[in-house]
Amino acid sequence: MVKSGTVILNTAARFLMPLQLIFSVFLLLRGHDEPGGGFIAGLVAAGAFTLYMFAFGVSATRGILRMIDPRDLIGVGLLLGMISVVPAWFVGEPFMTAQWWTIPVVDFKASTPLIFDIGVYLAVLGAVTGMVMSLMEVDKDEP
């Protein structure tokens, strides 16, 4: 693993990345009742991966993402956004009407708006991370 940042940046990235990812999930889940949601949560998560990219490089960040290409995240996010409008049709309600389901084991209410927000989260995470990776790879290739 080639380290491209300083010791302080490398250490900060190792500690801040998990905190940023946890905070992004918090923002995602509270987005329907208070400020937050898929877009800002996706930006926070992309900021975590970008910080890691600046500290350790693109190849190390791809190693963290394992086999997931940021473009795949965009596709899955768009697919979830499209799927979130379908459940209303099955219960005979108008297109894009929110549906809610209670999960009794964990006392959690799942909903189609949450599915849509997760789709936005993944699409924003994939788009921003992919753009930053592309920019960093282009910069590396130039003399």
Protein backbone atom coordinates (compact mmCIF):
# COMPACT_ATOMS: atom_id res chain seq x y z
CA MET A 1 0.00 0.00 0.00
CA VAL A 2 1.52 3.29 -1.13
CA LYS A 3 0.90 6.09 1.30
CA SER A 4 0.50 9.45 -0.35
CA GLY A 5 -0.40 11.62 2.66
CA THR A 6 1.42 12.77 5.76
CA VAL A 7 1.52 10.90 9.05
CA ILE A 8 -1.09 13.23 10.52
CA LEU A 9 -3.42 12.85 7.52
CA ASN A 10 -3.02 9.07 7.50
CA THR A 11 -3.79 8.80 11.21
CA ALA A 12 -6.73 11.19 10.98
CA ALA A 13 -8.17 9.31 8.00
CA ARG A 14 -8.06 5.99 9.85
CA PHE A 15 -9.97 7.44 12.81
CA LEU A 16 -12.36 9.77 10.99
CA MET A 17 -13.54 7.47 8.21
CA PRO A 18 -15.53 5.09 10.45
CA LEU A 19 -17.01 8.03 12.36
CA GLN A 20 -18.08 9.75 9.15
CA LEU A 21 -19.68 6.56 7.83
CA ILE A 22 -21.60 6.04 11.08
CA PHE A 23 -22.72 9.67 11.00
CA SER A 24 -23.85 9.28 7.39
CA VAL A 25 -26.07 6.33 8.36
CA PHE A 26 -27.48 8.43 11.23
CA LEU A 27 -28.30 11.24 8.80
CA LEU A 28 -29.87 8.78 6.39
CA LEU A 29 -32.18 7.26 9.00
CA ARG A 30 -33.34 10.50 10.61
CA GLY A 31 -34.03 12.27 7.33
CA HIS A 32 -37.81 11.88 7.32
CA ASP A 33 -38.52 13.50 10.66
CA GLU A 34 -35.75 16.08 10.87
CA PRO A 35 -33.12 17.55 8.53
CA GLY A 36 -31.08 14.92 6.77
CA GLY A 37 -31.79 12.23 4.25
CA GLY A 38 -30.15 10.36 1.42
CA PHE A 39 -28.42 13.25 -0.33
CA ILE A 40 -26.55 14.78 2.59
CA ALA A 41 -25.82 11.34 4.05
CA GLY A 42 -24.33 10.27 0.70
CA LEU A 43 -22.17 13.39 0.64
CA VAL A 44 -20.87 12.68 4.16
CA ALA A 45 -20.06 9.08 3.20
CA ALA A 46 -18.35 10.24 0.00
CA GLY A 47 -16.36 12.70 2.12
CA ALA A 48 -15.14 9.78 4.23
CA PHE A 49 -13.92 7.87 1.18
CA THR A 50 -12.39 11.03 -0.29
CA LEU A 51 -10.44 11.68 2.90
CA TYR A 52 -9.17 8.11 2.79
CA MET A 53 -8.28 8.58 -0.89
CA PHE A 54 -6.25 11.70 -0.14
CA ALA A 55 -4.39 9.90 2.63
CA PHE A 56 -3.73 6.51 1.05
CA GLY A 57 -4.45 6.81 -2.67
CA VAL A 58 -7.01 5.49 -5.11
CA SER A 59 -5.81 1.87 -5.11
CA ALA A 60 -6.10 1.61 -1.31
CA THR A 61 -9.60 3.08 -1.48
CA ARG A 62 -10.60 0.60 -4.18
CA GLY A 63 -9.27 -2.08 -1.82
CA ILE A 64 -11.65 -0.88 0.90
CA LEU A 65 -14.57 -0.90 -1.53
CA ARG A 66 -13.41 -4.40 -2.56
CA MET A 67 -15.20 -5.42 -5.72
CA ILE A 68 -17.72 -2.58 -5.74
CA ASP A 69 -17.22 -0.04 -8.50
CA PRO A 70 -18.68 3.41 -7.76
CA ARG A 71 -20.61 3.16 -11.05
CA ASP A 72 -22.34 0.04 -9.69
CA LEU A 73 -23.44 2.05 -6.64
CA ILE A 74 -25.03 4.61 -8.96
CA GLY A 75 -26.92 1.88 -10.81
CA VAL A 76 -28.16 0.17 -7.64
CA GLY A 77 -29.20 3.55 -6.21
CA LEU A 78 -31.22 4.42 -9.32
CA LEU A 79 -32.80 0.97 -9.29
CA LEU A 80 -33.86 1.35 -5.63
CA GLY A 81 -35.30 4.77 -6.40
CA MET A 82 -37.39 3.29 -9.19
CA ILE A 83 -38.46 0.27 -7.14
CA SER A 84 -39.64 2.48 -4.27
CA VAL A 85 -42.64 3.71 -6.28
CA VAL A 86 -44.00 0.23 -7.11
CA PRO A 87 -45.50 -0.96 -3.76
CA ALA A 88 -48.32 1.61 -3.95
CA TRP A 89 -49.62 -0.07 -7.12
CA PHE A 90 -49.94 -3.43 -5.35
CA VAL A 91 -52.31 -2.00 -2.74
CA GLY A 92 -54.33 0.01 -5.25
CA GLU A 93 -53.11 3.47 -4.25
CA PRO A 94 -51.89 6.26 -6.54
CA PHE A 95 -48.41 6.21 -8.01
CA MET A 96 -45.65 7.25 -5.54
CA THR A 97 -47.88 7.03 -2.45
CA ALA A 98 -45.72 6.22 0.57
CA GLN A 99 -46.15 2.78 2.12
CA TRP A 100 -45.11 1.88 5.68
CA TRP A 101 -44.37 -1.52 7.21
CA THR A 102 -43.67 -2.23 10.88
CA ILE A 103 -40.87 -4.65 11.67
CA PRO A 104 -41.88 -5.88 15.15
CA VAL A 105 -38.61 -7.63 16.06
CA VAL A 106 -36.61 -4.39 16.15
CA ASP A 107 -39.57 -1.97 16.48
CA PHE A 108 -38.65 -0.22 13.23
CA LYS A 109 -40.92 1.23 10.56
CA ALA A 110 -39.68 0.57 7.05
CA SER A 111 -41.09 2.65 4.24
CA THR A 112 -40.89 3.37 0.56
CA PRO A 113 -39.44 6.85 1.28
CA LEU A 114 -36.62 5.12 3.18
CA ILE A 115 -35.98 2.83 0.19
CA PHE A 116 -35.89 5.92 -2.02
CA ASP A 117 -33.48 7.68 0.36
CA ILE A 118 -31.18 4.65 0.40
CA GLY A 119 -31.21 4.79 -3.40
CA VAL A 120 -30.29 8.48 -3.35
CA TYR A 121 -27.58 7.72 -0.76
CA LEU A 122 -25.99 5.06 -2.97
CA ALA A 123 -26.28 7.16 -6.14
CA VAL A 124 -24.65 10.21 -4.52
CA LEU A 125 -21.95 8.08 -2.86
CA GLY A 126 -21.14 6.38 -6.16
CA ALA A 127 -21.19 9.58 -8.22
CA VAL A 128 -19.00 11.67 -5.92
CA THR A 129 -16.57 8.86 -5.12
CA GLY A 130 -16.29 7.94 -8.80
CA MET A 131 -15.65 11.56 -9.82
CA VAL A 132 -12.94 12.03 -7.20
CA MET A 133 -11.31 8.71 -8.13
CA SER A 134 -11.33 9.67 -11.80
CA LEU A 135 -9.81 13.07 -11.07
CA MET A 136 -7.10 11.58 -8.88
CA GLU A 137 -6.24 8.93 -11.49
CA VAL A 138 -6.05 11.52 -14.28
CA ASP A 139 -3.79 13.70 -12.16
CA LYS A 140 -1.47 10.74 -11.53
CA ASP A 141 -1.17 9.92 -15.26
CA GLU A 142 -0.06 13.40 -16.33
CA PRO A 143 3.68 14.20 -16.36
